[in-house]
């Protein structure tokens, strides 16, 4: 199952155990893995706020 959250995709690998976060379109690169959907949403919130306020957003996305 996929959960679309703030433009990111949180893919449910194993329910309540493993969720994988993928970046925004068009790349959809794998960014992180979390134990719960709530942790995955927190990760997106923290990182999307940082990228929105960063002047070098493109280079930071490439590093991940």
PDB file of N, CA and C in Angstrom:
ATOM      1  N   UNK A   1       0.836  -1.175   0.000  1.00  0.00           N
ATOM      2  CA  UNK A   1       0.000   0.000   0.000  1.00  0.00           C
ATOM      3  C   UNK A   1       0.887   1.246   0.000  1.00  0.00           C
ATOM      4  N   UNK A   2       0.486   2.261  -0.739  1.00  0.00           N
ATOM      5  CA  UNK A   2       1.210   3.526  -0.777  1.00  0.00           C
ATOM      6  C   UNK A   2       0.394   4.605  -0.087  1.00  0.00           C
ATOM      7  N   UNK A   3       1.090   5.416   0.688  1.00  0.00           N
ATOM      8  CA  UNK A   3       0.502   6.580   1.336  1.00  0.00           C
ATOM      9  C   UNK A   3       1.168   7.802   0.724  1.00  0.00           C
ATOM     10  N   UNK A   4       0.385   8.671   0.109  1.00  0.00           N
ATOM     11  CA  UNK A   4       0.923   9.881  -0.502  1.00  0.00           C
ATOM     12  C   UNK A   4       0.820  11.003   0.525  1.00  0.00           C
ATOM     13  N   UNK A   5       1.955  11.591   0.894  1.00  0.00           N
ATOM     14  CA  UNK A   5       1.997  12.589   1.957  1.00  0.00           C
ATOM     15  C   UNK A   5       2.908  13.731   1.552  1.00  0.00           C
ATOM     16  N   UNK A   6       2.341  14.921   1.368  1.00  0.00           N
ATOM     17  CA  UNK A   6       3.077  16.137   1.017  1.00  0.00           C
ATOM     18  C   UNK A   6       3.942  15.969  -0.230  1.00  0.00           C
ATOM     19  N   UNK A   7       3.453  15.197  -1.187  1.00  0.00           N
ATOM     20  CA  UNK A   7       4.180  15.000  -2.430  1.00  0.00           C
ATOM     21  C   UNK A   7       5.134  13.817  -2.411  1.00  0.00           C
ATOM     22  N   UNK A   8       5.347  13.213  -1.256  1.00  0.00           N
ATOM     23  CA  UNK A   8       6.226  12.057  -1.113  1.00  0.00           C
ATOM     24  C   UNK A   8       5.377  10.792  -1.093  1.00  0.00           C
ATOM     25  N   UNK A   9       5.996   9.659  -1.358  1.00  0.00           N
ATOM     26  CA  UNK A   9       5.306   8.380  -1.274  1.00  0.00           C
ATOM     27  C   UNK A   9       5.899   7.612  -0.105  1.00  0.00           C
ATOM     28  N   UNK A  10       5.026   7.180   0.787  1.00  0.00           N
ATOM     29  CA  UNK A  10       5.434   6.314   1.893  1.00  0.00           C
ATOM     30  C   UNK A  10       4.866   4.939   1.560  1.00  0.00           C
ATOM     31  N   UNK A  11       5.762   4.021   1.238  1.00  0.00           N
ATOM     32  CA  UNK A  11       5.358   2.680   0.804  1.00  0.00           C
ATOM     33  C   UNK A  11       5.376   1.734   1.995  1.00  0.00           C
ATOM     34  N   UNK A  12       4.282   1.028   2.179  1.00  0.00           N
ATOM     35  CA  UNK A  12       4.156   0.077   3.276  1.00  0.00           C
ATOM     36  C   UNK A  12       4.756  -1.255   2.840  1.00  0.00           C
ATOM     37  N   UNK A  13       5.981  -1.533   3.322  1.00  0.00           N
ATOM     38  CA  UNK A  13       6.629  -2.812   2.987  1.00  0.00           C
ATOM     39  C   UNK A  13       6.028  -3.937   3.819  1.00  0.00           C
ATOM     40  N   UNK A  14       6.065  -3.786   5.134  1.00  0.00           N
ATOM     41  CA  UNK A  14       5.470  -4.739   6.067  1.00  0.00           C
ATOM     42  C   UNK A  14       4.637  -3.913   7.044  1.00  0.00           C
ATOM     43  N   UNK A  15       3.321  -4.119   7.119  1.00  0.00           N
ATOM     44  CA  UNK A  15       2.461  -3.280   7.950  1.00  0.00           C
ATOM     45  C   UNK A  15       2.968  -3.132   9.385  1.00  0.00           C
ATOM     46  N   UNK A  16       3.037  -1.894   9.845  1.00  0.00           N
ATOM     47  CA  UNK A  16       3.455  -1.519  11.203  1.00  0.00           C
ATOM     48  C   UNK A  16       4.887  -1.890  11.542  1.00  0.00           C
ATOM     49  N   UNK A  17       5.684  -2.313  10.555  1.00  0.00           N
ATOM     50  CA  UNK A  17       7.072  -2.684  10.826  1.00  0.00           C
ATOM     51  C   UNK A  17       8.042  -1.909   9.949  1.00  0.00           C
ATOM     52  N   UNK A  18       7.741  -1.786   8.664  1.00  0.00           N
ATOM     53  CA  UNK A  18       8.698  -1.175   7.745  1.00  0.00           C
ATOM     54  C   UNK A  18       7.995  -0.349   6.672  1.00  0.00           C
ATOM     55  N   UNK A  19       8.375   0.928   6.615  1.00  0.00           N
ATOM     56  CA  UNK A  19       7.853   1.850   5.615  1.00  0.00           C
ATOM     57  C   UNK A  19       9.030   2.509   4.913  1.00  0.00           C
ATOM     58  N   UNK A  20       8.972   2.611   3.605  1.00  0.00           N
ATOM     59  CA  UNK A  20      10.033   3.236   2.820  1.00  0.00           C
ATOM     60  C   UNK A  20       9.515   4.546   2.260  1.00  0.00           C
ATOM     61  N   UNK A  21      10.351   5.601   2.368  1.00  0.00           N
ATOM     62  CA  UNK A  21       9.965   6.924   1.878  1.00  0.00           C
ATOM     63  C   UNK A  21      10.655   7.177   0.545  1.00  0.00           C
ATOM     64  N   UNK A  22       9.864   7.584  -0.448  1.00  0.00           N
ATOM     65  CA  UNK A  22      10.385   7.915  -1.767  1.00  0.00           C
ATOM     66  C   UNK A  22      10.191   9.402  -2.017  1.00  0.00           C
ATOM     67  N   UNK A  23      11.111  10.002  -2.768  1.00  0.00           N
ATOM     68  CA  UNK A  23      11.075  11.440  -3.022  1.00  0.00           C
ATOM     69  C   UNK A  23       9.929  11.826  -3.949  1.00  0.00           C
ATOM     70  N   UNK A  24       9.870  13.129  -4.230  1.00  0.00           N
ATOM     71  CA  UNK A  24       8.838  13.662  -5.111  1.00  0.00           C
ATOM     72  C   UNK A  24       9.091  13.278  -6.560  1.00  0.00           C
ATOM     73  N   UNK A  25       8.101  13.511  -7.396  1.00  0.00           N
ATOM     74  CA  UNK A  25       8.248  13.272  -8.829  1.00  0.00           C
ATOM     75  C   UNK A  25       9.286  14.194  -9.402  1.00  0.00           C
ATOM     76  N   UNK A  26       9.930  13.913 -10.468  1.00  0.00           N
ATOM     77  CA  UNK A  26       9.796  12.723 -11.309  1.00  0.00           C
ATOM     78  C   UNK A  26      10.737  11.601 -10.892  1.00  0.00           C
ATOM     79  N   UNK A  27      11.702  11.847 -10.008  1.00  0.00           N
ATOM     80  CA  UNK A  27      12.706  10.823  -9.707  1.00  0.00           C
ATOM     81  C   UNK A  27      12.166   9.669  -8.870  1.00  0.00           C
ATOM     82  N   UNK A  28      11.470   9.979  -7.779  1.00  0.00           N
ATOM     83  CA  UNK A  28      10.988   8.975  -6.828  1.00  0.00           C
ATOM     84  C   UNK A  28      12.132   8.097  -6.312  1.00  0.00           C
ATOM     85  N   UNK A  29      13.205   8.746  -5.863  1.00  0.00           N
ATOM     86  CA  UNK A  29      14.332   8.006  -5.285  1.00  0.00           C
ATOM     87  C   UNK A  29      13.985   7.573  -3.864  1.00  0.00           C
ATOM     88  N   UNK A  30      14.542   6.448  -3.432  1.00  0.00           N
ATOM     89  CA  UNK A  30      14.344   5.995  -2.062  1.00  0.00           C
ATOM     90  C   UNK A  30      15.170   6.882  -1.143  1.00  0.00           C
ATOM     91  N   UNK A  31      14.526   7.451  -0.112  1.00  0.00           N
ATOM     92  CA  UNK A  31      15.205   8.383   0.782  1.00  0.00           C
ATOM     93  C   UNK A  31      15.495   7.809   2.154  1.00  0.00           C
ATOM     94  N   UNK A  32      14.556   7.061   2.723  1.00  0.00           N
ATOM     95  CA  UNK A  32      14.731   6.570   4.087  1.00  0.00           C
ATOM     96  C   UNK A  32      13.774   5.416   4.345  1.00  0.00           C
ATOM     97  N   UNK A  33      13.986   4.757   5.474  1.00  0.00           N
ATOM     98  CA  UNK A  33      13.084   3.706   5.926  1.00  0.00           C
ATOM     99  C   UNK A  33      12.756   3.973   7.387  1.00  0.00           C
ATOM    100  N   UNK A  34      11.494   3.734   7.769  1.00  0.00           N
ATOM    101  CA  UNK A  34      11.038   3.979   9.130  1.00  0.00           C
ATOM    102  C   UNK A  34      10.226   2.783   9.612  1.00  0.00           C
ATOM    103  N   UNK A  35      10.042   2.709  10.920  1.00  0.00           N
ATOM    104  CA  UNK A  35       9.329   1.584  11.512  1.00  0.00           C
ATOM    105  C   UNK A  35       7.816   1.707  11.476  1.00  0.00           C
ATOM    106  N   UNK A  36       7.298   2.940  11.508  1.00  0.00           N
ATOM    107  CA  UNK A  36       5.853   3.138  11.483  1.00  0.00           C
ATOM    108  C   UNK A  36       5.506   4.243  10.485  1.00  0.00           C
ATOM    109  N   UNK A  37       4.241   4.295  10.113  1.00  0.00           N
ATOM    110  CA  UNK A  37       3.803   5.348   9.190  1.00  0.00           C
ATOM    111  C   UNK A  37       3.922   6.717   9.850  1.00  0.00           C
ATOM    112  N   UNK A  38       3.693   6.798  11.150  1.00  0.00           N
ATOM    113  CA  UNK A  38       3.819   8.072  11.865  1.00  0.00           C
ATOM    114  C   UNK A  38       5.269   8.564  11.843  1.00  0.00           C
ATOM    115  N   UNK A  39       6.224   7.670  12.053  1.00  0.00           N
ATOM    116  CA  UNK A  39       7.647   8.037  11.974  1.00  0.00           C
ATOM    117  C   UNK A  39       7.991   8.518  10.567  1.00  0.00           C
ATOM    118  N   UNK A  40       7.449   7.857   9.561  1.00  0.00           N
ATOM    119  CA  UNK A  40       7.714   8.246   8.175  1.00  0.00           C
ATOM    120  C   UNK A  40       7.162   9.642   7.888  1.00  0.00           C
ATOM    121  N   UNK A  41       5.967   9.942   8.385  1.00  0.00           N
ATOM    122  CA  UNK A  41       5.394  11.274   8.183  1.00  0.00           C
ATOM    123  C   UNK A  41       6.204  12.340   8.919  1.00  0.00           C
ATOM    124  N   UNK A  42       6.684  12.022  10.117  1.00  0.00           N
ATOM    125  CA  UNK A  42       7.553  12.961  10.837  1.00  0.00           C
ATOM    126  C   UNK A  42       8.829  13.227  10.051  1.00  0.00           C
ATOM    127  N   UNK A  43       9.410  12.179   9.474  1.00  0.00           N
ATOM    128  CA  UNK A  43      10.638  12.327   8.681  1.00  0.00           C
ATOM    129  C   UNK A  43      10.383  13.274   7.514  1.00  0.00           C
ATOM    130  N   UNK A  44       9.268  13.081   6.814  1.00  0.00           N
ATOM    131  CA  UNK A  44       8.928  13.955   5.685  1.00  0.00           C
ATOM    132  C   UNK A  44       8.747  15.387   6.170  1.00  0.00           C
ATOM    133  N   UNK A  45       8.038  15.575   7.271  1.00  0.00           N
ATOM    134  CA  UNK A  45       7.827  16.926   7.796  1.00  0.00           C
ATOM    135  C   UNK A  45       9.144  17.621   8.102  1.00  0.00           C
ATOM    136  N   UNK A  46      10.032  16.941   8.800  1.00  0.00           N
ATOM    137  CA  UNK A  46      11.321  17.537   9.172  1.00  0.00           C
ATOM    138  C   UNK A  46      12.171  17.862   7.957  1.00  0.00           C
ATOM    139  N   UNK A  47      12.264  16.940   7.031  1.00  0.00           N
ATOM    140  CA  UNK A  47      13.146  17.132   5.884  1.00  0.00           C
ATOM    141  C   UNK A  47      12.554  18.056   4.831  1.00  0.00           C
ATOM    142  N   UNK A  48      11.243  18.040   4.642  1.00  0.00           N
ATOM    143  CA  UNK A  48      10.660  18.938   3.645  1.00  0.00           C
ATOM    144  C   UNK A  48      10.756  20.386   4.115  1.00  0.00           C
ATOM    145  N   UNK A  49      10.611  20.647   5.406  1.00  0.00           N
ATOM    146  CA  UNK A  49      10.768  22.009   5.918  1.00  0.00           C
ATOM    147  C   UNK A  49      12.202  22.486   5.721  1.00  0.00           C
ATOM    148  N   UNK A  50      13.159  21.616   5.965  1.00  0.00           N
ATOM    149  CA  UNK A  50      14.565  21.988   5.807  1.00  0.00           C
ATOM    150  C   UNK A  50      14.874  22.302   4.344  1.00  0.00           C
ATOM    151  N   UNK A  51      14.347  21.487   3.402  1.00  0.00           N
ATOM    152  CA  UNK A  51      14.620  21.693   1.982  1.00  0.00           C
ATOM    153  C   UNK A  51      13.941  22.955   1.460  1.00  0.00           C
ATOM    154  N   UNK A  52      12.736  23.264   1.965  1.00  0.00           N
ATOM    155  CA  UNK A  52      12.032  24.457   1.500  1.00  0.00           C
ATOM    156  C   UNK A  52      12.776  25.734   1.858  1.00  0.00           C
ATOM    157  N   UNK A  53      13.478  25.735   2.982  1.00  0.00           N
ATOM    158  CA  UNK A  53      14.168  26.933   3.448  1.00  0.00           C
ATOM    159  C   UNK A  53      15.640  26.944   3.079  1.00  0.00           C
ATOM    160  N   UNK A  54      16.101  25.922   2.398  1.00  0.00           N
ATOM    161  CA  UNK A  54      17.506  25.822   2.024  1.00  0.00           C
ATOM    162  C   UNK A  54      17.747  26.451   0.655  1.00  0.00           C
ATOM    163  N   UNK A  55      18.760  27.327   0.543  1.00  0.00           N
ATOM    164  CA  UNK A  55      19.041  27.920  -0.766  1.00  0.00           C
ATOM    165  C   UNK A  55      19.642  26.935  -1.760  1.00  0.00           C
ATOM    166  N   UNK A  56      20.233  25.859  -1.285  1.00  0.00           N
ATOM    167  CA  UNK A  56      20.860  24.875  -2.176  1.00  0.00           C
ATOM    168  C   UNK A  56      20.060  23.582  -2.198  1.00  0.00           C
ATOM    169  N   UNK A  57      18.767  23.676  -2.416  1.00  0.00           N
ATOM    170  CA  UNK A  57      17.879  22.521  -2.379  1.00  0.00           C
ATOM    171  C   UNK A  57      18.285  21.428  -3.349  1.00  0.00           C
ATOM    172  N   UNK A  58      18.644  21.770  -4.566  1.00  0.00           N
ATOM    173  CA  UNK A  58      18.971  20.765  -5.571  1.00  0.00           C
ATOM    174  C   UNK A  58      20.196  19.952  -5.170  1.00  0.00           C
ATOM    175  N   UNK A  59      21.234  20.615  -4.675  1.00  0.00           N
ATOM    176  CA  UNK A  59      22.434  19.880  -4.306  1.00  0.00           C
ATOM    177  C   UNK A  59      22.191  19.008  -3.076  1.00  0.00           C
ATOM    178  N   UNK A  60      21.352  19.456  -2.167  1.00  0.00           N
ATOM    179  CA  UNK A  60      21.068  18.669  -0.978  1.00  0.00           C
ATOM    180  C   UNK A  60      20.266  17.427  -1.340  1.00  0.00           C
ATOM    181  N   UNK A  61      19.329  17.559  -2.273  1.00  0.00           N
ATOM    182  CA  UNK A  61      18.567  16.401  -2.701  1.00  0.00           C
ATOM    183  C   UNK A  61      19.467  15.375  -3.385  1.00  0.00           C
ATOM    184  N   UNK A  62      20.461  15.833  -4.113  1.00  0.00           N
ATOM    185  CA  UNK A  62      21.347  14.919  -4.814  1.00  0.00           C
ATOM    186  C   UNK A  62      22.211  14.124  -3.845  1.00  0.00           C
ATOM    187  N   UNK A  63      22.536  14.693  -2.684  1.00  0.00           N
ATOM    188  CA  UNK A  63      23.383  14.021  -1.708  1.00  0.00           C
ATOM    189  C   UNK A  63      22.656  12.859  -1.061  1.00  0.00           C
ATOM    190  N   UNK A  64      21.365  13.002  -0.874  1.00  0.00           N
ATOM    191  CA  UNK A  64      20.589  11.959  -0.202  1.00  0.00           C
ATOM    192  C   UNK A  64      20.514  10.807  -1.085  1.00  0.00           C
TER     193      UNK A  64
END
